[in-house]
């Protein structure tokens, strides 16, 4: 088990350590590493379990709607994601998407919208999704083509979204569409679209190397009540960025969880694997690699929880969250690759923990802002400070 001395760092309060310890104990009992072939069913079950366990309360804001606090505690969601990722990548995914998919409602929803959706998300009764990306508009949100035209007290939505996590199993989607108030990113609005809304279809299910529910959505004359718009018309980019700002640091935390599990597996392998009359850990090359892995993990943790702490103090974290996301995901890829190398041929056998970690980590370097986008964000913020 990974060293948990980091829970005593000054970034945390006593209730954070208690939360991590309680979740870790719960996950040992309820969440096994890996899942069966029916990923949709496994994800639905995990959402229900996380709701019943009370963990999804931390993914939403507002105690009146079942949240753990009046606002989302960034350090709490980071610790939850790190802990779940250490046990099971799909459990981390299930938790994260409940938060990301409903985050815009927590932040910008009307009182009626918050009352309708957030309690169901917190209980695990409704699965949430965040629909921003399009075939030609991923990192470049301003290139969005999906459009919503106001028609009386409704909007009519046409276009498509892709790479949508929870696509095909979600009960509702927070969808971003061009409403044209201004050019580019300033002419986008955000809407809640229920999964059974006429005109919304699942055009394609997408299979990826670390299986989770993913789909392309098609909207054809899909009528949405204007009351389901989140924030003001034309403020969708602001809604999206504010939501991502809450959860981007937690992507770093998930990567940290994957890296810690890989480190645990590597240490166990290195101290038990017999080779040339000694164990793998006796070789200086192995010791050097373990030292490099451990240093990278601690650096990622410091960056991650600095950003989470800073956000919880009300500070701006654009640069800090980008640094954490970039470093933690890239480092986790290196740590997991090194761990797999220590397993030799066994490391690439389907079903081995290091093999599944290798597949899990790859997407984290892309989603919620690819590594290259994080580099641009960091540089832009540095130049602003000049």
Protein backbone atom coordinates (compact mmCIF):
# COMPACT_ATOMS: atom_id res chain seq x y z
CA UNK A 1 0.00 0.00 0.00
CA UNK A 2 1.30 3.45 -0.91
CA UNK A 3 2.72 5.64 1.83
CA UNK A 4 -0.03 8.00 3.01
CA UNK A 5 2.16 10.51 4.83
CA UNK A 6 1.02 13.07 2.28
CA UNK A 7 -2.33 13.26 4.09
CA UNK A 8 -0.49 15.15 6.85
CA UNK A 9 0.64 17.86 4.43
CA UNK A 10 -0.60 21.37 5.29
CA UNK A 11 -2.84 21.39 2.19
CA UNK A 12 -5.34 19.20 4.06
CA UNK A 13 -7.65 19.52 7.02
CA UNK A 14 -8.39 16.60 9.39
CA UNK A 15 -11.67 15.76 7.65
CA UNK A 16 -9.83 15.21 4.37
CA UNK A 17 -7.67 12.44 5.83
CA UNK A 18 -10.75 10.88 7.43
CA UNK A 19 -12.54 10.99 4.08
CA UNK A 20 -9.68 9.23 2.28
CA UNK A 21 -9.37 6.55 4.94
CA UNK A 22 -13.11 5.87 4.96
CA UNK A 23 -13.29 5.67 1.16
CA UNK A 24 -10.25 3.42 0.95
CA UNK A 25 -11.82 1.00 3.42
CA UNK A 26 -15.13 1.13 1.52
CA UNK A 27 -13.42 0.52 -1.82
CA UNK A 28 -11.63 -2.55 -0.50
CA UNK A 29 -15.05 -4.03 0.30
CA UNK A 30 -17.04 -2.82 -2.71
CA UNK A 31 -14.73 -2.11 -5.66
CA UNK A 32 -12.52 -4.79 -7.19
CA UNK A 33 -9.83 -3.91 -9.70
CA UNK A 34 -11.25 -4.44 -13.18
CA UNK A 35 -14.78 -5.20 -14.37
CA UNK A 36 -16.70 -7.58 -16.61
CA UNK A 37 -17.33 -7.30 -20.34
CA UNK A 38 -20.61 -5.36 -19.94
CA UNK A 39 -19.10 -1.96 -19.25
CA UNK A 40 -22.45 -0.13 -19.37
CA UNK A 41 -23.87 -2.37 -16.65
CA UNK A 42 -20.69 -2.08 -14.58
CA UNK A 43 -20.79 1.71 -14.81
CA UNK A 44 -24.46 1.88 -13.81
CA UNK A 45 -23.76 -0.38 -10.84
CA UNK A 46 -20.78 1.72 -9.75
CA UNK A 47 -22.84 4.91 -9.89
CA UNK A 48 -25.51 3.28 -7.72
CA UNK A 49 -22.89 1.99 -5.26
CA UNK A 50 -21.15 5.35 -5.06
CA UNK A 51 -24.50 7.02 -4.45
CA UNK A 52 -25.54 4.53 -1.79
CA UNK A 53 -22.14 4.88 -0.12
CA UNK A 54 -22.60 8.65 0.12
CA UNK A 55 -19.55 9.47 -2.01
CA UNK A 56 -21.42 11.23 -4.81
CA UNK A 57 -22.52 13.91 -2.34
CA UNK A 58 -19.03 15.35 -2.81
CA UNK A 59 -19.51 15.67 -6.58
CA UNK A 60 -22.23 18.31 -6.33
CA UNK A 61 -22.58 21.66 -4.61
CA UNK A 62 -25.38 22.59 -2.19
CA UNK A 63 -26.41 20.79 0.99
CA UNK A 64 -30.06 21.54 0.20
CA UNK A 65 -29.75 19.26 -2.82
CA UNK A 66 -27.86 16.45 -1.10
CA UNK A 67 -24.34 17.82 -1.50
CA UNK A 68 -21.69 17.36 1.16
CA UNK A 69 -21.18 21.12 1.38
CA UNK A 70 -22.47 24.44 0.11
CA UNK A 71 -19.84 24.32 -2.65
CA UNK A 72 -17.66 21.61 -4.14
CA UNK A 73 -14.55 20.89 -2.06
CA UNK A 74 -11.77 20.51 -4.62
CA UNK A 75 -9.43 18.70 -2.24
CA UNK A 76 -12.19 16.23 -1.40
CA UNK A 77 -12.97 15.37 -5.03
CA UNK A 78 -9.24 15.03 -5.74
CA UNK A 79 -8.75 12.63 -2.84
CA UNK A 80 -11.82 10.65 -3.89
CA UNK A 81 -10.62 10.38 -7.49
CA UNK A 82 -7.08 9.45 -6.45
CA UNK A 83 -8.39 6.74 -4.11
CA UNK A 84 -10.89 5.30 -6.57
CA UNK A 85 -8.35 5.31 -9.40
CA UNK A 86 -5.97 3.34 -7.22
CA UNK A 87 -8.65 0.66 -6.86
CA UNK A 88 -10.56 0.74 -10.16
CA UNK A 89 -10.37 3.04 -13.18
CA UNK A 90 -14.05 2.69 -14.03
CA UNK A 91 -15.05 3.63 -10.47
CA UNK A 92 -13.01 6.81 -10.81
CA UNK A 93 -14.68 7.47 -14.16
CA UNK A 94 -18.16 6.94 -12.70
CA UNK A 95 -17.53 9.39 -9.88
CA UNK A 96 -15.83 11.99 -12.07
CA UNK A 97 -18.58 12.07 -14.67
CA UNK A 98 -21.28 12.56 -12.04
CA UNK A 99 -19.39 15.67 -11.01
CA UNK A 100 -18.40 16.95 -14.45
CA UNK A 101 -21.79 16.14 -15.96
CA UNK A 102 -23.70 18.02 -13.26
CA UNK A 103 -21.09 20.66 -12.41
CA UNK A 104 -22.62 23.31 -14.65
CA UNK A 105 -25.97 22.76 -12.91
CA UNK A 106 -24.33 23.20 -9.49
CA UNK A 107 -22.67 26.40 -10.67
CA UNK A 108 -25.20 27.98 -13.05
CA UNK A 109 -28.50 26.11 -12.81
CA UNK A 110 -31.71 27.80 -11.73
CA UNK A 111 -33.19 26.82 -8.38
CA UNK A 112 -35.66 24.60 -10.24
CA UNK A 113 -32.91 22.91 -12.28
CA UNK A 114 -30.76 22.27 -9.22
CA UNK A 115 -33.72 20.82 -7.32
CA UNK A 116 -34.68 18.56 -10.24
CA UNK A 117 -31.27 17.10 -11.12
CA UNK A 118 -28.73 17.41 -8.32
CA UNK A 119 -30.41 15.21 -5.67
CA UNK A 120 -30.74 12.40 -8.23
CA UNK A 121 -27.07 12.73 -9.15
CA UNK A 122 -26.03 12.66 -5.48
CA UNK A 123 -28.09 9.52 -4.82
CA UNK A 124 -26.79 7.77 -7.95
CA UNK A 125 -30.32 7.64 -9.37
CA UNK A 126 -29.44 9.65 -12.49
CA UNK A 127 -26.31 9.42 -14.63
CA UNK A 128 -24.88 12.71 -15.87
CA UNK A 129 -22.86 13.61 -18.98
CA UNK A 130 -20.98 16.64 -20.31
CA UNK A 131 -21.32 17.21 -24.07
CA UNK A 132 -18.84 19.78 -25.33
CA UNK A 133 -16.60 18.15 -27.97
CA UNK A 134 -17.43 17.84 -31.65
CA UNK A 135 -15.62 16.18 -34.56
CA UNK A 136 -14.00 19.50 -35.50
CA UNK A 137 -14.19 21.21 -32.11
CA UNK A 138 -12.26 19.55 -29.32
CA UNK A 139 -9.54 21.78 -27.91
CA UNK A 140 -10.81 24.62 -30.15
CA UNK A 141 -14.22 25.27 -28.60
CA UNK A 142 -14.74 28.35 -30.80
CA UNK A 143 -14.99 26.01 -33.83
CA UNK A 144 -18.24 24.54 -32.47
CA UNK A 145 -20.95 24.00 -35.11
CA UNK A 146 -23.79 22.42 -33.14
CA UNK A 147 -26.43 25.18 -33.03
CA UNK A 148 -29.51 26.10 -31.00
CA UNK A 149 -32.08 28.56 -32.36
CA UNK A 150 -34.62 30.13 -30.03
CA UNK A 151 -38.26 29.47 -30.92
CA UNK A 152 -40.57 31.08 -28.39
CA UNK A 153 -40.02 29.49 -24.99
CA UNK A 154 -37.90 26.70 -26.51
CA UNK A 155 -34.59 26.28 -28.31
CA UNK A 156 -34.28 23.97 -31.33
CA UNK A 157 -30.99 22.12 -31.33
CA UNK A 158 -29.27 20.64 -34.41
CA UNK A 159 -25.83 19.12 -34.81
CA UNK A 160 -23.68 16.49 -33.17
CA UNK A 161 -21.33 15.88 -30.28
CA UNK A 162 -18.65 13.21 -30.02
CA UNK A 163 -16.31 11.60 -27.48
CA UNK A 164 -19.11 12.03 -24.94
CA UNK A 165 -18.39 10.05 -21.80
CA UNK A 166 -21.49 8.28 -20.45
CA UNK A 167 -22.97 8.66 -23.93
CA UNK A 168 -25.63 6.00 -24.33
CA UNK A 169 -26.25 5.45 -20.61
CA UNK A 170 -26.71 9.01 -19.29
CA UNK A 171 -30.10 10.20 -18.08
CA UNK A 172 -29.28 13.78 -19.07
CA UNK A 173 -26.58 15.72 -20.91
CA UNK A 174 -25.26 19.23 -20.38
CA UNK A 175 -24.92 20.29 -24.02
CA UNK A 176 -23.10 23.30 -25.44
CA UNK A 177 -24.38 24.82 -28.68
CA UNK A 178 -23.85 27.93 -30.75
CA UNK A 179 -26.61 30.49 -30.21
CA UNK A 180 -24.87 33.29 -32.13
CA UNK A 181 -25.00 36.25 -29.76
CA UNK A 182 -21.41 37.06 -30.76
CA UNK A 183 -18.77 35.43 -32.98
CA UNK A 184 -16.58 32.61 -31.75
CA UNK A 185 -16.64 31.38 -28.17
CA UNK A 186 -18.83 34.28 -27.04
CA UNK A 187 -21.84 33.01 -28.96
CA UNK A 188 -22.31 29.66 -27.20
CA UNK A 189 -24.95 28.66 -24.64
CA UNK A 190 -25.36 25.66 -22.34
CA UNK A 191 -28.47 23.51 -21.95
CA UNK A 192 -29.70 20.50 -20.02
CA UNK A 193 -31.03 17.89 -22.46
CA UNK A 194 -32.79 14.84 -21.08
CA UNK A 195 -31.79 11.55 -22.69
CA UNK A 196 -35.36 10.86 -23.84
CA UNK A 197 -35.78 14.26 -25.53
CA UNK A 198 -37.27 13.82 -29.04
CA UNK A 199 -34.60 14.51 -31.65
CA UNK A 200 -31.69 13.22 -29.57
CA UNK A 201 -30.23 9.93 -30.79
CA UNK A 202 -27.13 7.92 -30.01
CA UNK A 203 -25.53 7.91 -33.46
CA UNK A 204 -22.55 5.74 -32.57
CA UNK A 205 -21.01 3.95 -29.61
CA UNK A 206 -17.23 4.38 -29.49
CA UNK A 207 -14.86 1.70 -28.22
CA UNK A 208 -11.57 2.82 -26.66
CA UNK A 209 -8.53 1.07 -25.18
CA UNK A 210 -9.75 1.51 -21.59
CA UNK A 211 -13.44 0.66 -22.03
CA UNK A 212 -16.03 3.05 -20.68
CA UNK A 213 -19.36 4.31 -22.03
CA UNK A 214 -18.59 6.70 -24.89
CA UNK A 215 -20.74 7.86 -27.80
CA UNK A 216 -21.45 10.29 -30.60
CA UNK A 217 -24.74 12.14 -30.16
CA UNK A 218 -26.96 13.45 -32.95
CA UNK A 219 -29.47 16.28 -32.46
CA UNK A 220 -32.18 16.72 -35.09
CA UNK A 221 -34.73 19.49 -34.40
CA UNK A 222 -34.39 18.67 -30.71
CA UNK A 223 -36.64 21.05 -28.76
CA UNK A 224 -35.33 22.17 -25.39
CA UNK A 225 -37.30 24.35 -22.94
CA UNK A 226 -35.61 27.71 -22.48
CA UNK A 227 -35.84 27.06 -18.74
CA UNK A 228 -33.19 24.36 -19.22
CA UNK A 229 -30.59 26.89 -20.35
CA UNK A 230 -27.72 27.22 -17.86
CA UNK A 231 -26.61 30.79 -17.29
CA UNK A 232 -27.30 33.62 -19.69
CA UNK A 233 -27.51 33.23 -23.46
CA UNK A 234 -24.05 33.47 -24.97
CA UNK A 235 -22.32 32.54 -21.70
CA UNK A 236 -21.81 28.87 -22.53
CA UNK A 237 -18.03 29.17 -22.88
CA UNK A 238 -17.90 30.71 -19.41
CA UNK A 239 -20.09 27.87 -18.10
CA UNK A 240 -17.87 25.23 -19.68
CA UNK A 241 -14.59 26.76 -18.47
CA UNK A 242 -15.89 27.29 -14.92
CA UNK A 243 -17.00 23.66 -14.80
CA UNK A 244 -13.71 22.38 -16.17
CA UNK A 245 -11.84 24.64 -13.75
CA UNK A 246 -13.41 22.74 -10.84
CA UNK A 247 -12.65 19.29 -12.21
CA UNK A 248 -9.40 19.70 -14.19
CA UNK A 249 -7.26 19.39 -11.06
CA UNK A 250 -9.09 16.16 -10.24
CA UNK A 251 -7.84 14.65 -13.52
CA UNK A 252 -4.34 15.09 -12.11
CA UNK A 253 -5.52 13.35 -8.94
CA UNK A 254 -6.84 10.38 -10.92
CA UNK A 255 -3.49 10.10 -12.71
CA UNK A 256 -1.82 10.21 -9.31
CA UNK A 257 -4.01 7.31 -8.15
CA UNK A 258 -3.05 5.24 -11.18
CA UNK A 259 0.63 6.03 -10.60
CA UNK A 260 0.48 5.09 -6.93
CA UNK A 261 -1.11 1.73 -7.78
CA UNK A 262 1.58 1.11 -10.38
CA UNK A 263 4.24 1.96 -7.80
CA UNK A 264 2.73 -0.52 -5.34
CA UNK A 265 2.72 -3.22 -8.01
CA UNK A 266 6.31 -2.40 -9.02
CA UNK A 267 7.59 -2.55 -5.45
CA UNK A 268 5.90 -5.89 -4.88
CA UNK A 269 7.31 -7.27 -8.13
CA UNK A 270 10.81 -5.91 -7.50
CA UNK A 271 11.07 -7.40 -4.02
CA UNK A 272 9.71 -10.82 -4.99
CA UNK A 273 10.96 -11.52 -8.52
CA UNK A 274 13.99 -13.82 -8.43
CA UNK A 275 16.62 -13.17 -11.11
CA UNK A 276 20.25 -14.30 -11.41
CA UNK A 277 20.40 -15.40 -7.79
CA UNK A 278 18.91 -12.24 -6.32
CA UNK A 279 15.68 -10.28 -6.43
CA UNK A 280 14.98 -7.59 -9.02
CA UNK A 281 15.21 -4.87 -6.37
CA UNK A 282 18.87 -5.74 -5.72
CA UNK A 283 19.88 -4.37 -9.11
CA UNK A 284 21.01 -0.74 -9.10
CA UNK A 285 19.13 -0.12 -12.35
CA UNK A 286 15.89 -1.13 -10.60
CA UNK A 287 16.67 1.03 -7.57
CA UNK A 288 17.35 4.05 -9.79
CA UNK A 289 14.06 3.54 -11.62
CA UNK A 290 12.10 3.18 -8.36
CA UNK A 291 13.66 6.39 -7.05
CA UNK A 292 12.73 8.22 -10.24
CA UNK A 293 9.16 6.90 -10.05
CA UNK A 294 8.74 7.90 -6.40
CA UNK A 295 10.11 11.40 -6.98
CA UNK A 296 7.78 11.95 -9.92
CA UNK A 297 4.78 10.79 -7.88
CA UNK A 298 5.56 13.13 -5.00
CA UNK A 299 6.09 16.05 -7.39
CA UNK A 300 2.73 15.35 -9.01
CA UNK A 301 1.05 15.16 -5.62
CA UNK A 302 2.52 18.49 -4.53
CA UNK A 303 1.35 20.20 -7.73
CA UNK A 304 -2.09 18.58 -7.56
CA UNK A 305 -2.89 19.42 -3.97
CA UNK A 306 -1.39 22.88 -4.21
CA UNK A 307 -3.85 23.63 -7.01
CA UNK A 308 -6.75 22.03 -5.11
CA UNK A 309 -5.91 23.91 -1.90
CA UNK A 310 -5.52 27.20 -3.78
CA UNK A 311 -8.90 26.80 -5.44
CA UNK A 312 -10.56 26.00 -2.12
CA UNK A 313 -9.11 29.25 -0.76
CA UNK A 314 -10.88 31.09 -3.58
CA UNK A 315 -7.73 31.71 -5.59
CA UNK A 316 -7.33 31.66 -9.36
CA UNK A 317 -5.82 28.33 -10.42
CA UNK A 318 -5.70 28.43 -14.22
CA UNK A 319 -1.91 28.05 -14.33
CA UNK A 320 -1.64 25.80 -11.27
CA UNK A 321 -4.33 23.38 -12.44
CA UNK A 322 -2.72 23.18 -15.89
CA UNK A 323 0.67 22.44 -14.33
CA UNK A 324 -0.83 19.72 -12.14
CA UNK A 325 -2.76 18.13 -14.98
CA UNK A 326 0.22 18.20 -17.33
CA UNK A 327 2.79 16.86 -14.88
CA UNK A 328 0.62 14.26 -13.17
CA UNK A 329 -0.67 12.67 -16.37
CA UNK A 330 2.68 12.63 -18.16
CA UNK A 331 4.47 11.33 -15.06
CA UNK A 332 1.85 8.64 -14.44
CA UNK A 333 2.36 7.40 -18.00
CA UNK A 334 6.10 7.09 -17.31
CA UNK A 335 5.60 5.43 -13.91
CA UNK A 336 3.14 2.89 -15.27
CA UNK A 337 5.37 2.12 -18.24
CA UNK A 338 8.30 1.52 -15.89
CA UNK A 339 6.18 -0.72 -13.67
CA UNK A 340 5.04 -2.74 -16.67
CA UNK A 341 8.66 -3.12 -17.78
CA UNK A 342 9.50 -4.70 -14.41
CA UNK A 343 6.87 -7.34 -15.04
CA UNK A 344 8.42 -8.28 -18.37
CA UNK A 345 6.18 -10.36 -20.62
CA UNK A 346 3.66 -10.80 -17.83
CA UNK A 347 3.06 -7.05 -17.89
CA UNK A 348 1.37 -7.12 -21.29
CA UNK A 349 -0.94 -10.04 -20.50
CA UNK A 350 -4.58 -8.97 -20.64
CA UNK A 351 -6.07 -8.78 -17.16
CA UNK A 352 -2.84 -7.96 -15.33
CA UNK A 353 -3.16 -4.83 -13.18
CA UNK A 354 -0.22 -3.05 -14.80
CA UNK A 355 -1.63 -3.86 -18.24
CA UNK A 356 -4.98 -2.28 -17.38
CA UNK A 357 -3.26 0.74 -15.81
CA UNK A 358 -1.28 1.18 -19.04
CA UNK A 359 -4.54 1.43 -20.98
CA UNK A 360 -6.29 3.59 -18.37
CA UNK A 361 -3.66 6.31 -18.22
CA UNK A 362 -3.37 7.05 -21.93
CA UNK A 363 -6.63 8.97 -22.29
CA UNK A 364 -5.88 11.25 -19.33
CA UNK A 365 -3.13 12.94 -21.33
CA UNK A 366 -5.81 14.03 -23.83
CA UNK A 367 -9.17 14.71 -22.23
CA UNK A 368 -10.11 17.92 -20.40
CA UNK A 369 -7.29 19.60 -22.28
CA UNK A 370 -4.45 17.70 -23.94
CA UNK A 371 -0.91 18.08 -22.63
CA UNK A 372 -0.07 20.48 -25.45
CA UNK A 373 -3.06 22.66 -24.53
CA UNK A 374 -1.91 22.74 -20.90
CA UNK A 375 1.51 23.94 -22.09
CA UNK A 376 -0.16 26.77 -23.99
CA UNK A 377 -2.26 27.70 -20.95
CA UNK A 378 0.78 27.79 -18.66
CA UNK A 379 2.78 29.92 -21.09
CA UNK A 380 -0.15 32.29 -21.64
CA UNK A 381 -0.56 32.80 -17.89
CA UNK A 382 3.18 33.36 -17.44
CA UNK A 383 3.18 36.00 -20.16
CA UNK A 384 0.22 37.75 -18.51
CA UNK A 385 2.30 38.02 -15.35
CA UNK A 386 5.25 39.56 -17.17
